[in-house]
Amino acid sequence: MIDGAPQLYREAQAAQMLAICPRTLRQLRKAGKIAYIIIGSRIAYSGDDLRRYIEGQRQCASIPAQIRRSSGMTSPSPVID
């Protein structure tokens, strides 16, 4: 590896790191949802780009889409009964 150069991963390695199949990774790349690098005719993914993709997929389960009131009605915002 060249000093200062990012660690690059081939498709199979990157897919394994994301716990997805290579076909899904190709679909994400073609949809523009994950960054990649082309060197010659080969496609590679940097560790930083893989981390950014993972961070972009983060979901916060602690904030429900709707909060149920004690009256049984729902509200899209926090309600104090």
Protein backbone atom coordinates (compact mmCIF):
# COMPACT_ATOMS: atom_id res chain seq x y z
CA MET A 1 0.00 0.00 0.00
CA ILE A 2 1.20 3.52 -0.78
CA ASP A 3 1.65 5.82 2.23
CA GLY A 4 -1.35 8.15 2.57
CA ALA A 5 -3.42 6.25 -0.01
CA PRO A 6 -6.83 5.02 1.13
CA GLN A 7 -7.35 1.32 1.76
CA LEU A 8 -9.25 0.01 -1.27
CA TYR A 9 -11.50 -3.03 -1.39
CA ARG A 10 -12.64 -5.01 -4.42
CA GLU A 11 -16.33 -5.70 -4.90
CA ALA A 12 -16.42 -9.06 -3.10
CA GLN A 13 -14.49 -7.69 -0.11
CA ALA A 14 -16.65 -4.56 0.14
CA ALA A 15 -19.87 -6.58 -0.13
CA GLN A 16 -18.67 -8.91 2.62
CA MET A 17 -17.84 -5.94 4.87
CA LEU A 18 -21.37 -4.57 4.36
CA ALA A 19 -22.92 -8.04 4.84
CA ILE A 20 -24.64 -7.85 1.44
CA CYS A 21 -24.18 -9.81 -1.77
CA PRO A 22 -22.00 -8.39 -4.57
CA ARG A 23 -25.07 -7.99 -6.79
CA THR A 24 -26.71 -5.71 -4.19
CA LEU A 25 -23.50 -3.69 -4.00
CA ARG A 26 -23.52 -3.28 -7.80
CA GLN A 27 -27.14 -2.12 -7.65
CA LEU A 28 -26.27 0.45 -4.95
CA ARG A 29 -23.35 1.69 -7.05
CA LYS A 30 -25.44 2.00 -10.23
CA ALA A 31 -28.16 3.84 -8.27
CA GLY A 32 -25.54 6.32 -7.03
CA LYS A 33 -26.07 5.35 -3.38
CA ILE A 34 -22.48 4.38 -2.64
CA ALA A 35 -19.26 6.02 -3.78
CA TYR A 36 -16.64 4.05 -5.67
CA ILE A 37 -13.32 4.46 -7.45
CA ILE A 38 -12.41 3.29 -10.94
CA ILE A 39 -8.78 2.39 -11.50
CA GLY A 40 -8.27 1.25 -15.07
CA SER A 41 -11.20 -1.05 -15.68
CA ARG A 42 -11.53 -2.15 -12.05
CA ILE A 43 -13.99 -0.83 -9.49
CA ALA A 44 -12.92 -0.41 -5.89
CA TYR A 45 -14.40 1.02 -2.70
CA SER A 46 -12.49 2.95 -0.06
CA GLY A 47 -12.88 2.14 3.61
CA ASP A 48 -13.97 5.75 4.21
CA ASP A 49 -16.71 5.50 1.57
CA LEU A 50 -17.96 2.24 3.07
CA ARG A 51 -18.10 3.86 6.52
CA ARG A 52 -19.98 6.87 5.10
CA TYR A 53 -22.51 4.56 3.47
CA ILE A 54 -23.03 2.70 6.74
CA GLU A 55 -23.51 5.98 8.64
CA GLY A 56 -26.03 7.11 6.03
CA GLN A 57 -28.08 3.97 6.69
CA ARG A 58 -28.32 4.60 10.44
CA GLN A 59 -31.88 4.59 11.76
CA CYS A 60 -32.89 5.91 15.15
CA ALA A 61 -35.29 3.40 16.65
CA SER A 62 -35.78 5.51 19.77
CA ILE A 63 -37.94 8.08 17.95
CA PRO A 64 -41.15 6.43 16.76
CA ALA A 65 -42.87 7.78 13.65
CA GLN A 66 -46.05 8.33 15.63
CA ILE A 67 -46.56 8.49 19.36
CA ARG A 68 -49.70 6.97 20.79
CA ARG A 69 -51.70 9.10 23.22
CA SER A 70 -53.38 7.57 26.24
CA SER A 71 -56.72 8.34 24.55
CA GLY A 72 -55.81 5.92 21.75
CA MET A 73 -55.27 8.65 19.13
CA THR A 74 -51.90 9.07 17.44
CA SER A 75 -49.83 12.18 16.90
CA PRO A 76 -46.76 12.72 14.70
CA SER A 77 -45.16 14.80 17.48
CA PRO A 78 -44.41 14.12 21.14
CA VAL A 79 -47.44 14.56 23.36
CA ILE A 80 -47.48 14.92 27.11
CA ASP A 81 -50.76 13.65 28.58
